[in-house]
């Protein structure tokens, strides 16, 4: 409730239209008419108008992608669950922006492969759709879903999961698209050839340089996101969750 109220207040303040002075078009600004009498005033003498502008554009869609790796168990998972719940209530319920909540881990495929003995051949990336863009998610239903997911924590192939979330977000019609990745560390997975960390870095760099999707890393009791994401924030303890999320939303969703 506290975070939602803070964002609601910010939204009301930022949504107020503002008057921009000294423009080349709009309504005449009486106090600026003297400028046309200035000899050789150039562009300055043309800026005699004022125009109202909306300070906030909420034409944005948001995806929250939550790391569900084994290292997330315990306090980190509780932090992630709290952050995801707060983001759902503030973005989905209060701001009513299109919002999708996803999780990612690994699961054993039908082709075999047992974790006992470190045989990872049957493992594959497993995506969890907690909430899609089209349907609201009541708080208790989300809490129950997050509680059930705590039983499937395994490995985290971030690159594949980010591509999955990115492609779904890219199909949204909103003018701006923002992807928040909640993570506690570097990518990890045992079945893939090559470097999962390098692949993840390439995926993030490609999105940052070429995609209209804005990707933002949120670290949970770990600062690894600072080495992967150009834009990032780190939550070091539970007391920071609300304030850090308000700051992130103000910057990336409100765009101020």
Protein backbone atom coordinates (compact mmCIF):
# COMPACT_ATOMS: atom_id res chain seq x y z
CA UNK A 1 0.00 0.00 0.00
CA UNK A 2 2.82 2.41 0.81
CA UNK A 3 4.56 1.90 -2.52
CA UNK A 4 1.31 2.11 -4.45
CA UNK A 5 0.37 5.37 -2.73
CA UNK A 6 3.79 6.89 -3.45
CA UNK A 7 3.51 6.01 -7.12
CA UNK A 8 -0.07 7.25 -7.29
CA UNK A 9 1.03 10.61 -5.88
CA UNK A 10 3.98 10.80 -8.28
CA UNK A 11 1.66 9.94 -11.16
CA UNK A 12 -0.76 12.72 -10.23
CA UNK A 13 2.03 15.27 -9.99
CA UNK A 14 3.78 14.23 -13.18
CA UNK A 15 0.52 14.01 -15.15
CA UNK A 16 -0.20 17.70 -14.71
CA UNK A 17 0.29 19.60 -17.93
CA UNK A 18 3.06 22.17 -17.95
CA UNK A 19 3.55 25.32 -19.97
CA UNK A 20 6.72 25.60 -22.01
CA UNK A 21 7.76 29.15 -22.80
CA UNK A 22 9.97 30.55 -25.54
CA UNK A 23 8.73 28.29 -28.34
CA UNK A 24 8.45 29.02 -32.06
CA UNK A 25 4.81 27.97 -32.21
CA UNK A 26 1.77 27.81 -29.96
CA UNK A 27 -0.12 30.65 -28.29
CA UNK A 28 1.31 34.12 -28.11
CA UNK A 29 3.10 34.86 -24.86
CA UNK A 30 2.50 38.53 -24.08
CA UNK A 31 5.58 38.88 -21.88
CA UNK A 32 7.80 37.76 -24.78
CA UNK A 33 6.45 40.10 -27.48
CA UNK A 34 9.28 42.56 -26.88
CA UNK A 35 11.63 40.07 -28.51
CA UNK A 36 10.35 40.87 -32.02
CA UNK A 37 11.65 44.42 -31.61
CA UNK A 38 15.21 43.31 -30.99
CA UNK A 39 17.28 44.01 -34.13
CA UNK A 40 19.11 40.98 -35.46
CA UNK A 41 17.53 38.91 -32.70
CA UNK A 42 17.69 35.82 -34.87
CA UNK A 43 16.06 32.74 -33.41
CA UNK A 44 15.57 34.50 -30.07
CA UNK A 45 13.18 37.03 -31.61
CA UNK A 46 11.06 34.19 -33.04
CA UNK A 47 10.47 32.48 -29.70
CA UNK A 48 7.43 34.48 -28.65
CA UNK A 49 4.97 31.65 -28.09
CA UNK A 50 4.04 29.30 -25.26
CA UNK A 51 2.72 25.77 -25.47
CA UNK A 52 1.17 23.33 -23.02
CA UNK A 53 2.85 19.94 -22.83
CA UNK A 54 1.96 16.73 -21.05
CA UNK A 55 4.83 15.88 -18.72
CA UNK A 56 4.09 12.15 -18.64
CA UNK A 57 3.54 9.56 -21.33
CA UNK A 58 2.47 6.17 -19.95
CA UNK A 59 2.22 4.47 -23.34
CA UNK A 60 4.47 1.70 -22.05
CA UNK A 61 4.38 -2.10 -21.66
CA UNK A 62 6.46 -3.84 -18.99
CA UNK A 63 7.77 -7.37 -18.48
CA UNK A 64 9.20 -8.56 -15.16
CA UNK A 65 11.50 -11.57 -15.61
CA UNK A 66 12.36 -13.35 -12.36
CA UNK A 67 15.40 -15.58 -11.84
CA UNK A 68 14.25 -18.90 -10.31
CA UNK A 69 17.63 -20.58 -9.94
CA UNK A 70 18.65 -22.71 -6.98
CA UNK A 71 20.86 -19.97 -5.58
CA UNK A 72 17.73 -17.83 -5.24
CA UNK A 73 16.33 -20.01 -2.44
CA UNK A 74 15.81 -18.44 0.96
CA UNK A 75 16.11 -14.69 1.47
CA UNK A 76 16.82 -13.92 -2.18
CA UNK A 77 13.65 -15.64 -3.34
CA UNK A 78 11.65 -13.80 -0.69
CA UNK A 79 13.12 -10.49 -1.92
CA UNK A 80 12.29 -11.41 -5.52
CA UNK A 81 8.75 -12.51 -4.61
CA UNK A 82 8.17 -9.28 -2.69
CA UNK A 83 9.54 -7.18 -5.55
CA UNK A 84 7.41 -9.03 -8.10
CA UNK A 85 4.28 -8.64 -5.97
CA UNK A 86 4.91 -4.91 -5.47
CA UNK A 87 5.55 -4.40 -9.18
CA UNK A 88 2.33 -6.25 -10.02
CA UNK A 89 0.28 -4.08 -7.67
CA UNK A 90 1.90 -0.78 -8.57
CA UNK A 91 2.22 -1.23 -12.34
CA UNK A 92 -0.71 -3.52 -13.03
CA UNK A 93 -3.28 -2.39 -10.47
CA UNK A 94 -2.43 1.28 -9.82
CA UNK A 95 -0.89 2.47 -13.08
CA UNK A 96 -2.77 -0.05 -15.25
CA UNK A 97 0.05 -0.48 -17.75
CA UNK A 98 0.26 -3.72 -19.77
CA UNK A 99 2.31 -6.04 -17.57
CA UNK A 100 3.67 -9.57 -17.91
CA UNK A 101 5.31 -11.52 -15.07
CA UNK A 102 7.66 -14.35 -16.03
CA UNK A 103 10.04 -16.69 -14.24
CA UNK A 104 12.81 -18.90 -15.57
CA UNK A 105 14.70 -21.98 -14.39
CA UNK A 106 15.62 -25.37 -15.85
CA UNK A 107 13.72 -28.64 -15.80
CA UNK A 108 14.41 -32.25 -16.75
CA UNK A 109 13.17 -33.14 -20.22
CA UNK A 110 11.62 -36.45 -21.21
CA UNK A 111 14.86 -37.54 -22.84
CA UNK A 112 16.41 -38.48 -19.51
CA UNK A 113 19.32 -37.00 -17.64
CA UNK A 114 19.45 -37.03 -13.88
CA UNK A 115 20.97 -34.39 -11.70
CA UNK A 116 22.43 -37.16 -9.53
CA UNK A 117 25.90 -37.78 -10.90
CA UNK A 118 25.85 -34.42 -12.74
CA UNK A 119 24.32 -35.76 -15.92
CA UNK A 120 22.67 -32.61 -17.32
CA UNK A 121 21.84 -33.94 -20.79
CA UNK A 122 18.08 -33.91 -20.18
CA UNK A 123 17.83 -30.40 -18.77
CA UNK A 124 16.20 -27.56 -20.71
CA UNK A 125 15.18 -23.98 -20.05
CA UNK A 126 11.82 -23.83 -18.31
CA UNK A 127 9.71 -20.64 -18.53
CA UNK A 128 6.94 -19.82 -16.07
CA UNK A 129 4.20 -17.40 -17.10
CA UNK A 130 2.94 -16.06 -13.78
CA UNK A 131 0.82 -13.39 -15.46
CA UNK A 132 0.34 -12.52 -19.13
CA UNK A 133 -0.33 -9.09 -20.60
CA UNK A 134 -4.06 -9.68 -21.06
CA UNK A 135 -5.25 -10.70 -17.60
CA UNK A 136 -5.01 -9.11 -14.14
CA UNK A 137 -3.42 -11.06 -11.30
CA UNK A 138 -4.95 -10.78 -7.80
CA UNK A 139 -2.37 -10.53 -5.04
CA UNK A 140 -3.17 -13.81 -3.29
CA UNK A 141 -3.18 -15.73 -6.56
CA UNK A 142 0.27 -14.37 -7.39
CA UNK A 143 1.56 -15.16 -3.89
CA UNK A 144 0.31 -18.74 -4.24
CA UNK A 145 1.96 -19.10 -7.65
CA UNK A 146 5.27 -17.74 -6.36
CA UNK A 147 5.08 -20.14 -3.43
CA UNK A 148 4.58 -23.10 -5.76
CA UNK A 149 7.51 -22.00 -7.94
CA UNK A 150 9.86 -22.12 -4.96
CA UNK A 151 9.77 -25.91 -5.34
CA UNK A 152 11.20 -25.91 -8.89
CA UNK A 153 14.32 -23.75 -8.39
CA UNK A 154 17.17 -25.19 -10.47
CA UNK A 155 19.60 -23.51 -12.90
CA UNK A 156 19.36 -20.22 -14.79
CA UNK A 157 20.11 -19.87 -18.50
CA UNK A 158 19.53 -16.13 -18.56
CA UNK A 159 20.22 -15.55 -22.26
CA UNK A 160 17.50 -17.88 -23.50
CA UNK A 161 15.00 -16.57 -20.95
CA UNK A 162 15.71 -12.94 -21.83
CA UNK A 163 15.16 -13.70 -25.54
CA UNK A 164 11.85 -15.41 -24.70
CA UNK A 165 10.67 -12.40 -22.65
CA UNK A 166 12.02 -9.91 -25.18
CA UNK A 167 10.18 -11.46 -28.13
CA UNK A 168 6.87 -11.53 -26.28
CA UNK A 169 7.30 -7.92 -25.15
CA UNK A 170 8.27 -6.81 -28.66
CA UNK A 171 4.80 -7.81 -29.91
CA UNK A 172 3.08 -5.29 -27.63
CA UNK A 173 1.70 -2.15 -29.32
CA UNK A 174 2.89 0.27 -26.64
CA UNK A 175 5.27 3.00 -27.79
CA UNK A 176 7.81 2.10 -25.10
CA UNK A 177 8.72 -1.39 -23.90
CA UNK A 178 10.64 -2.08 -20.68
CA UNK A 179 12.08 -5.41 -19.50
CA UNK A 180 13.07 -5.74 -15.82
CA UNK A 181 15.27 -8.75 -15.00
CA UNK A 182 15.41 -9.75 -11.33
CA UNK A 183 18.58 -11.78 -10.74
CA UNK A 184 20.95 -12.79 -7.97
CA UNK A 185 24.05 -13.66 -9.96
CA UNK A 186 25.71 -14.85 -13.14
CA UNK A 187 23.97 -17.26 -15.55
CA UNK A 188 24.45 -20.95 -14.81
CA UNK A 189 23.43 -24.16 -16.53
CA UNK A 190 25.06 -27.49 -17.16
CA UNK A 191 23.75 -28.79 -20.49
CA UNK A 192 24.79 -26.15 -23.03
CA UNK A 193 28.05 -26.07 -24.96
CA UNK A 194 30.10 -22.89 -24.88
CA UNK A 195 29.82 -20.11 -22.36
CA UNK A 196 26.34 -19.36 -21.05
CA UNK A 197 27.68 -16.18 -19.49
CA UNK A 198 29.10 -14.95 -22.82
CA UNK A 199 25.89 -15.80 -24.65
CA UNK A 200 23.86 -13.89 -22.05
CA UNK A 201 26.16 -10.89 -22.36
CA UNK A 202 25.76 -10.93 -26.16
CA UNK A 203 21.96 -11.11 -25.86
CA UNK A 204 21.84 -8.14 -23.47
CA UNK A 205 24.25 -6.08 -25.57
CA UNK A 206 22.23 -6.80 -28.72
CA UNK A 207 19.03 -5.60 -27.05
CA UNK A 208 20.71 -2.52 -25.62
CA UNK A 209 22.19 -1.53 -28.99
CA UNK A 210 19.57 -2.59 -31.54
CA UNK A 211 16.21 -3.30 -29.94
CA UNK A 212 13.44 -0.84 -28.99
CA UNK A 213 13.08 -2.82 -25.75
CA UNK A 214 14.75 -1.14 -22.76
CA UNK A 215 16.35 -3.79 -20.54
CA UNK A 216 17.12 -3.09 -16.87
CA UNK A 217 18.83 -5.42 -14.39
CA UNK A 218 17.76 -5.50 -10.74
CA UNK A 219 20.20 -7.34 -8.48
CA UNK A 220 18.97 -9.21 -5.41
CA UNK A 221 21.57 -9.28 -2.60
CA UNK A 222 24.18 -9.50 -5.37
CA UNK A 223 25.78 -6.93 -7.69
CA UNK A 224 26.37 -9.21 -10.71
CA UNK A 225 23.81 -7.20 -12.71
CA UNK A 226 26.27 -4.30 -12.76
CA UNK A 227 28.56 -6.41 -14.97
CA UNK A 228 25.86 -7.38 -17.47
CA UNK A 229 23.35 -4.54 -17.72
CA UNK A 230 24.19 -0.97 -18.69
CA UNK A 231 21.24 0.20 -16.59
CA UNK A 232 20.88 -1.50 -13.24
CA UNK A 233 20.06 -1.24 -9.54
CA UNK A 234 20.99 -3.47 -6.61
CA UNK A 235 18.71 -4.31 -3.67
CA UNK A 236 20.95 -5.13 -0.68
CA UNK A 237 18.30 -5.74 1.99
CA UNK A 238 14.55 -5.97 2.40
CA UNK A 239 14.29 -2.37 3.63
CA UNK A 240 15.50 -1.18 0.22
CA UNK A 241 12.97 -3.07 -1.90
CA UNK A 242 10.26 -0.43 -1.91
CA UNK A 243 12.47 2.64 -2.29
CA UNK A 244 14.61 1.07 -5.06
CA UNK A 245 11.53 -0.04 -7.01
CA UNK A 246 9.91 3.40 -6.73
CA UNK A 247 13.14 4.91 -8.06
CA UNK A 248 13.34 2.40 -10.92
CA UNK A 249 9.70 2.88 -11.92
CA UNK A 250 10.03 6.67 -11.81
CA UNK A 251 13.05 6.46 -14.12
CA UNK A 252 12.08 3.70 -16.55
CA UNK A 253 8.27 3.69 -16.57
CA UNK A 254 7.53 7.37 -15.95
CA UNK A 255 10.61 8.32 -17.95
CA UNK A 256 11.68 11.23 -15.69
